[in-house]
Amino acid sequence: MEPTRDYPLFGGAFSATLPPGAIDVSDLRPVPNNQEVFCHSVTDQSLIVELLELQAHVQGEEAARYHFEDVGGVQEARAVQVETVQPLSLENLALRDYCQEAWVLSGKQQVAKENQQP
């Protein structure tokens, strides 16, 4: 079995550990500059890391939910399900000097793939 690998994101600003078989979608098609997109050919699942603009009217856990649901709305998701929202310890972040808090949201969205009807 192929081991996991650390993959640089956004020109090396930070990295993520990717599962075996993850494919960088930017090798297949254009991807917006604020996204890193990976897919898996066997499971048909995608992992999207997206840099988002600060929304001052929401903070903390609610900011993570706001952005996740907003992206689902823009993508015309049929279903948006938040599974977990957890704070990240700032001492573990490479960008800790630039943020007051960080959150990880795990969830699922049922979205049509490129060139398909929602």
N, C-alpha and C. Protein backbone atom coordinates (compact mmCIF):
# COMPACT_ATOMS: atom_id res chain seq x y z
N MET A 1 0.84 -1.18 0.00
CA MET A 1 0.00 0.00 0.00
C MET A 1 0.89 1.25 0.00
N GLU A 2 0.49 2.21 -0.78
CA GLU A 2 1.23 3.47 -0.88
C GLU A 2 1.13 4.24 0.43
N PRO A 3 2.25 4.79 0.94
CA PRO A 3 2.20 5.55 2.19
C PRO A 3 1.58 6.93 1.99
N THR A 4 1.14 7.54 3.11
CA THR A 4 0.69 8.92 3.04
C THR A 4 1.89 9.79 2.71
N ARG A 5 1.62 11.01 2.24
CA ARG A 5 2.72 11.91 1.89
C ARG A 5 2.36 13.34 2.26
N ASP A 6 3.38 14.09 2.65
CA ASP A 6 3.18 15.52 2.90
C ASP A 6 3.24 16.23 1.56
N TYR A 7 2.26 17.09 1.33
CA TYR A 7 2.15 17.79 0.05
C TYR A 7 2.13 19.29 0.31
N PRO A 8 3.02 20.05 -0.33
CA PRO A 8 3.02 21.51 -0.11
C PRO A 8 1.77 22.14 -0.72
N LEU A 9 1.18 23.09 0.03
CA LEU A 9 -0.02 23.79 -0.43
C LEU A 9 0.30 25.26 -0.64
N PHE A 10 -0.35 25.87 -1.61
CA PHE A 10 -0.23 27.30 -1.87
C PHE A 10 1.23 27.73 -1.95
N GLY A 11 1.97 27.05 -2.82
CA GLY A 11 3.37 27.41 -3.05
C GLY A 11 4.29 27.12 -1.88
N GLY A 12 3.88 26.23 -0.99
CA GLY A 12 4.72 25.86 0.14
C GLY A 12 4.45 26.65 1.40
N ALA A 13 3.40 27.49 1.43
CA ALA A 13 3.08 28.26 2.63
C ALA A 13 2.77 27.34 3.80
N PHE A 14 2.16 26.19 3.52
CA PHE A 14 1.95 25.15 4.52
C PHE A 14 1.75 23.84 3.77
N SER A 15 1.56 22.75 4.49
CA SER A 15 1.43 21.46 3.83
C SER A 15 0.32 20.65 4.48
N ALA A 16 -0.06 19.58 3.79
CA ALA A 16 -1.08 18.67 4.29
C ALA A 16 -0.61 17.25 4.05
N THR A 17 -0.99 16.36 4.92
CA THR A 17 -0.70 14.94 4.73
C THR A 17 -1.86 14.34 3.95
N LEU A 18 -1.55 13.80 2.78
CA LEU A 18 -2.57 13.26 1.89
C LEU A 18 -2.60 11.74 1.94
N PRO A 19 -3.77 11.17 1.75
CA PRO A 19 -3.89 9.71 1.76
C PRO A 19 -3.30 9.09 0.50
N PRO A 20 -3.02 7.81 0.56
CA PRO A 20 -2.52 7.12 -0.63
C PRO A 20 -3.50 7.27 -1.80
N GLY A 21 -2.98 7.47 -2.98
CA GLY A 21 -3.81 7.57 -4.18
C GLY A 21 -4.37 8.94 -4.46
N ALA A 22 -4.06 9.95 -3.63
CA ALA A 22 -4.57 11.30 -3.86
C ALA A 22 -3.93 11.88 -5.12
N ILE A 23 -4.76 12.49 -5.95
CA ILE A 23 -4.31 13.08 -7.22
C ILE A 23 -4.52 14.59 -7.16
N ASP A 24 -3.52 15.36 -7.52
CA ASP A 24 -3.62 16.82 -7.57
C ASP A 24 -4.44 17.19 -8.80
N VAL A 25 -5.63 17.74 -8.58
CA VAL A 25 -6.55 18.06 -9.68
C VAL A 25 -5.98 19.13 -10.60
N SER A 26 -5.08 19.99 -10.07
CA SER A 26 -4.50 21.03 -10.93
C SER A 26 -3.64 20.43 -12.04
N ASP A 27 -3.27 19.15 -11.92
CA ASP A 27 -2.58 18.46 -13.01
C ASP A 27 -3.54 18.05 -14.11
N LEU A 28 -4.86 18.11 -13.82
CA LEU A 28 -5.88 17.65 -14.77
C LEU A 28 -6.70 18.79 -15.38
N ARG A 29 -6.90 19.86 -14.58
CA ARG A 29 -7.71 20.99 -15.04
C ARG A 29 -7.36 22.22 -14.22
N PRO A 30 -7.79 23.40 -14.70
CA PRO A 30 -7.51 24.62 -13.92
C PRO A 30 -8.24 24.60 -12.57
N VAL A 31 -7.56 25.10 -11.55
CA VAL A 31 -8.11 25.21 -10.21
C VAL A 31 -7.91 26.66 -9.76
N PRO A 32 -8.92 27.30 -9.14
CA PRO A 32 -8.75 28.69 -8.69
C PRO A 32 -7.54 28.84 -7.76
N ASN A 33 -6.93 30.02 -7.77
CA ASN A 33 -5.73 30.29 -6.97
C ASN A 33 -5.95 30.14 -5.48
N ASN A 34 -7.18 30.28 -5.01
CA ASN A 34 -7.43 30.17 -3.58
C ASN A 34 -7.80 28.75 -3.16
N GLN A 35 -7.61 27.77 -4.05
CA GLN A 35 -7.96 26.39 -3.75
C GLN A 35 -6.80 25.44 -4.06
N GLU A 36 -6.75 24.37 -3.29
CA GLU A 36 -5.95 23.19 -3.60
C GLU A 36 -6.96 22.05 -3.62
N VAL A 37 -7.01 21.30 -4.71
CA VAL A 37 -8.03 20.27 -4.88
C VAL A 37 -7.36 18.94 -5.19
N PHE A 38 -7.80 17.91 -4.48
CA PHE A 38 -7.28 16.57 -4.68
C PHE A 38 -8.46 15.62 -4.83
N CYS A 39 -8.28 14.58 -5.62
CA CYS A 39 -9.33 13.59 -5.79
C CYS A 39 -8.71 12.20 -5.67
N HIS A 40 -9.58 11.23 -5.56
CA HIS A 40 -9.15 9.84 -5.47
C HIS A 40 -9.92 9.05 -6.51
N SER A 41 -9.21 8.40 -7.41
CA SER A 41 -9.86 7.73 -8.54
C SER A 41 -10.68 6.52 -8.13
N VAL A 42 -10.34 5.87 -7.04
CA VAL A 42 -11.07 4.67 -6.63
C VAL A 42 -12.32 5.01 -5.82
N THR A 43 -12.19 5.95 -4.87
CA THR A 43 -13.32 6.26 -3.99
C THR A 43 -14.24 7.33 -4.56
N ASP A 44 -13.80 8.06 -5.58
CA ASP A 44 -14.56 9.16 -6.18
C ASP A 44 -14.83 10.28 -5.18
N GLN A 45 -13.92 10.45 -4.21
CA GLN A 45 -14.02 11.51 -3.22
C GLN A 45 -13.04 12.61 -3.55
N SER A 46 -13.35 13.82 -3.07
CA SER A 46 -12.47 14.97 -3.28
C SER A 46 -12.13 15.61 -1.95
N LEU A 47 -10.95 16.22 -1.90
CA LEU A 47 -10.52 17.02 -0.75
C LEU A 47 -10.19 18.40 -1.30
N ILE A 48 -10.85 19.42 -0.76
CA ILE A 48 -10.63 20.79 -1.21
C ILE A 48 -10.16 21.62 -0.03
N VAL A 49 -9.00 22.26 -0.19
CA VAL A 49 -8.50 23.20 0.80
C VAL A 49 -8.67 24.57 0.17
N GLU A 50 -9.41 25.44 0.85
CA GLU A 50 -9.74 26.73 0.26
C GLU A 50 -9.42 27.86 1.23
N LEU A 51 -8.71 28.88 0.73
CA LEU A 51 -8.46 30.09 1.51
C LEU A 51 -9.64 31.03 1.32
N LEU A 52 -10.19 31.51 2.42
CA LEU A 52 -11.40 32.33 2.37
C LEU A 52 -11.16 33.68 3.00
N GLU A 53 -11.96 34.64 2.60
CA GLU A 53 -11.86 36.00 3.11
C GLU A 53 -12.52 36.10 4.49
N LEU A 54 -11.88 36.85 5.38
CA LEU A 54 -12.42 37.09 6.71
C LEU A 54 -13.81 37.70 6.62
N GLN A 55 -14.74 37.17 7.39
CA GLN A 55 -16.08 37.71 7.51
C GLN A 55 -16.24 38.16 8.96
N ALA A 56 -16.14 39.46 9.20
CA ALA A 56 -16.11 40.00 10.56
C ALA A 56 -17.39 39.75 11.35
N HIS A 57 -18.50 39.48 10.67
CA HIS A 57 -19.77 39.30 11.38
C HIS A 57 -19.93 37.91 12.00
N VAL A 58 -19.01 36.99 11.73
CA VAL A 58 -19.03 35.67 12.35
C VAL A 58 -17.64 35.36 12.89
N GLN A 59 -17.59 34.66 14.02
CA GLN A 59 -16.31 34.34 14.63
C GLN A 59 -16.31 32.90 15.11
N GLY A 60 -15.08 32.39 15.31
CA GLY A 60 -14.92 31.07 15.90
C GLY A 60 -15.55 29.96 15.09
N GLU A 61 -16.16 29.04 15.82
CA GLU A 61 -16.81 27.89 15.19
C GLU A 61 -17.86 28.31 14.17
N GLU A 62 -18.58 29.37 14.47
CA GLU A 62 -19.63 29.83 13.55
C GLU A 62 -19.04 30.33 12.22
N ALA A 63 -17.82 30.86 12.25
CA ALA A 63 -17.17 31.28 11.00
C ALA A 63 -16.87 30.07 10.13
N ALA A 64 -16.42 28.99 10.73
CA ALA A 64 -16.15 27.76 9.96
C ALA A 64 -17.44 27.25 9.32
N ARG A 65 -18.51 27.23 10.10
CA ARG A 65 -19.80 26.78 9.57
C ARG A 65 -20.31 27.73 8.46
N TYR A 66 -20.16 29.01 8.68
CA TYR A 66 -20.61 30.01 7.70
C TYR A 66 -19.95 29.76 6.34
N HIS A 67 -18.63 29.62 6.35
CA HIS A 67 -17.91 29.43 5.08
C HIS A 67 -18.27 28.10 4.43
N PHE A 68 -18.38 27.04 5.21
CA PHE A 68 -18.73 25.73 4.66
C PHE A 68 -20.11 25.78 4.00
N GLU A 69 -21.06 26.38 4.68
CA GLU A 69 -22.41 26.47 4.13
C GLU A 69 -22.47 27.42 2.94
N ASP A 70 -21.68 28.50 2.98
CA ASP A 70 -21.63 29.45 1.87
C ASP A 70 -21.09 28.77 0.61
N VAL A 71 -20.01 28.02 0.76
CA VAL A 71 -19.45 27.30 -0.38
C VAL A 71 -20.47 26.30 -0.92
N GLY A 72 -21.19 25.62 -0.04
CA GLY A 72 -22.24 24.70 -0.48
C GLY A 72 -23.32 25.40 -1.28
N GLY A 73 -23.69 26.60 -0.85
CA GLY A 73 -24.70 27.37 -1.57
C GLY A 73 -24.22 27.80 -2.94
N VAL A 74 -22.99 28.27 -3.03
CA VAL A 74 -22.42 28.70 -4.31
C VAL A 74 -22.33 27.51 -5.27
N GLN A 75 -22.00 26.33 -4.73
CA GLN A 75 -21.87 25.13 -5.55
C GLN A 75 -23.20 24.43 -5.82
N GLU A 76 -24.29 25.01 -5.30
CA GLU A 76 -25.63 24.42 -5.45
C GLU A 76 -25.68 23.00 -4.91
N ALA A 77 -25.11 22.81 -3.72
CA ALA A 77 -25.08 21.48 -3.11
C ALA A 77 -26.49 20.98 -2.82
N ARG A 78 -26.71 19.71 -3.08
CA ARG A 78 -27.99 19.08 -2.76
C ARG A 78 -28.09 18.81 -1.27
N ALA A 79 -26.95 18.59 -0.63
CA ALA A 79 -26.91 18.33 0.81
C ALA A 79 -25.63 18.92 1.38
N VAL A 80 -25.73 19.51 2.57
CA VAL A 80 -24.58 20.06 3.29
C VAL A 80 -24.67 19.54 4.71
N GLN A 81 -23.66 18.77 5.12
CA GLN A 81 -23.68 18.16 6.45
C GLN A 81 -22.37 18.45 7.17
N VAL A 82 -22.44 19.16 8.29
CA VAL A 82 -21.27 19.40 9.13
C VAL A 82 -21.14 18.21 10.07
N GLU A 83 -19.95 17.59 10.08
CA GLU A 83 -19.73 16.46 10.97
C GLU A 83 -19.05 16.89 12.26
N THR A 84 -17.95 17.64 12.15
CA THR A 84 -17.25 18.13 13.35
C THR A 84 -16.65 19.51 13.06
N VAL A 85 -16.53 20.30 14.12
CA VAL A 85 -15.82 21.57 14.07
C VAL A 85 -14.93 21.59 15.30
N GLN A 86 -13.61 21.71 15.08
CA GLN A 86 -12.68 21.65 16.20
C GLN A 86 -11.65 22.77 16.09
N PRO A 87 -11.29 23.35 17.25
CA PRO A 87 -10.24 24.38 17.22
C PRO A 87 -8.88 23.74 17.02
N LEU A 88 -7.99 24.47 16.36
CA LEU A 88 -6.60 24.04 16.20
C LEU A 88 -5.75 24.79 17.22
N SER A 89 -4.79 24.09 17.76
CA SER A 89 -3.86 24.72 18.68
C SER A 89 -2.93 25.63 17.88
N LEU A 90 -2.86 26.89 18.24
CA LEU A 90 -2.06 27.85 17.48
C LEU A 90 -0.58 27.50 17.47
N GLU A 91 -0.07 26.85 18.53
CA GLU A 91 1.35 26.53 18.53
C GLU A 91 1.73 25.50 17.47
N ASN A 92 0.73 24.82 16.90
CA ASN A 92 0.99 23.86 15.83
C ASN A 92 0.88 24.46 14.43
N LEU A 93 0.60 25.76 14.34
CA LEU A 93 0.39 26.39 13.04
C LEU A 93 1.63 27.16 12.60
N ALA A 94 2.00 27.01 11.35
CA ALA A 94 3.10 27.79 10.79
C ALA A 94 2.73 29.27 10.71
N LEU A 95 1.46 29.58 10.57
CA LEU A 95 0.99 30.97 10.42
C LEU A 95 0.47 31.54 11.74
N ARG A 96 0.90 30.99 12.86
CA ARG A 96 0.37 31.40 14.17
C ARG A 96 0.56 32.87 14.49
N ASP A 97 1.56 33.51 13.91
CA ASP A 97 1.78 34.93 14.17
C ASP A 97 0.78 35.82 13.43
N TYR A 98 -0.01 35.24 12.55
CA TYR A 98 -0.92 36.01 11.71
C TYR A 98 -2.39 35.76 12.00
N CYS A 99 -2.70 34.90 12.96
CA CYS A 99 -4.10 34.63 13.25
C CYS A 99 -4.31 34.48 14.76
N GLN A 100 -5.52 34.77 15.19
CA GLN A 100 -5.88 34.66 16.60
C GLN A 100 -6.48 33.31 16.93
N GLU A 101 -7.06 32.67 15.92
CA GLU A 101 -7.67 31.36 16.12
C GLU A 101 -7.73 30.63 14.78
N ALA A 102 -7.85 29.31 14.86
CA ALA A 102 -7.97 28.49 13.65
C ALA A 102 -8.89 27.32 13.96
N TRP A 103 -9.67 26.95 12.96
CA TRP A 103 -10.66 25.89 13.13
C TRP A 103 -10.58 24.92 11.96
N VAL A 104 -10.91 23.66 12.23
CA VAL A 104 -11.02 22.65 11.19
C VAL A 104 -12.46 22.14 11.21
N LEU A 105 -13.10 22.22 10.06
CA LEU A 105 -14.45 21.71 9.90
C LEU A 105 -14.37 20.50 8.98
N SER A 106 -14.95 19.41 9.41
CA SER A 106 -15.09 18.23 8.55
C SER A 106 -16.57 18.07 8.24
N GLY A 107 -16.85 17.86 6.98
CA GLY A 107 -18.24 17.71 6.59
C GLY A 107 -18.35 17.14 5.20
N LYS A 108 -19.57 17.00 4.77
CA LYS A 108 -19.85 16.46 3.44
C LYS A 108 -20.81 17.37 2.72
N GLN A 109 -20.58 17.50 1.42
CA GLN A 109 -21.50 18.23 0.56
C GLN A 109 -21.74 17.36 -0.67
N GLN A 110 -22.98 17.25 -1.04
CA GLN A 110 -23.32 16.52 -2.26
C GLN A 110 -23.44 17.54 -3.38
N VAL A 111 -22.41 17.57 -4.24
CA VAL A 111 -22.29 18.59 -5.28
C VAL A 111 -22.05 17.90 -6.61
N ALA A 112 -22.65 18.44 -7.66
CA ALA A 112 -22.39 17.92 -9.00
C ALA A 112 -20.95 18.19 -9.39
N LYS A 113 -20.34 17.25 -10.07
CA LYS A 113 -18.99 17.46 -10.56
C LYS A 113 -19.01 18.38 -11.78
N GLU A 114 -17.83 18.83 -12.15
CA GLU A 114 -17.70 19.77 -13.28
C GLU A 114 -18.44 19.23 -14.51
N ASN A 115 -19.18 20.10 -15.17
CA ASN A 115 -19.93 19.78 -16.40
C ASN A 115 -21.13 18.87 -16.18
N GLN A 116 -21.58 18.71 -14.94
CA GLN A 116 -22.77 17.92 -14.67
C GLN A 116 -23.85 18.83 -14.08
N GLN A 117 -25.08 18.43 -14.22
CA GLN A 117 -26.18 19.17 -13.63
C GLN A 117 -26.19 18.92 -12.13
N PRO A 118 -26.54 19.95 -11.33
CA PRO A 118 -26.58 19.75 -9.87
C PRO A 118 -27.67 18.75 -9.49
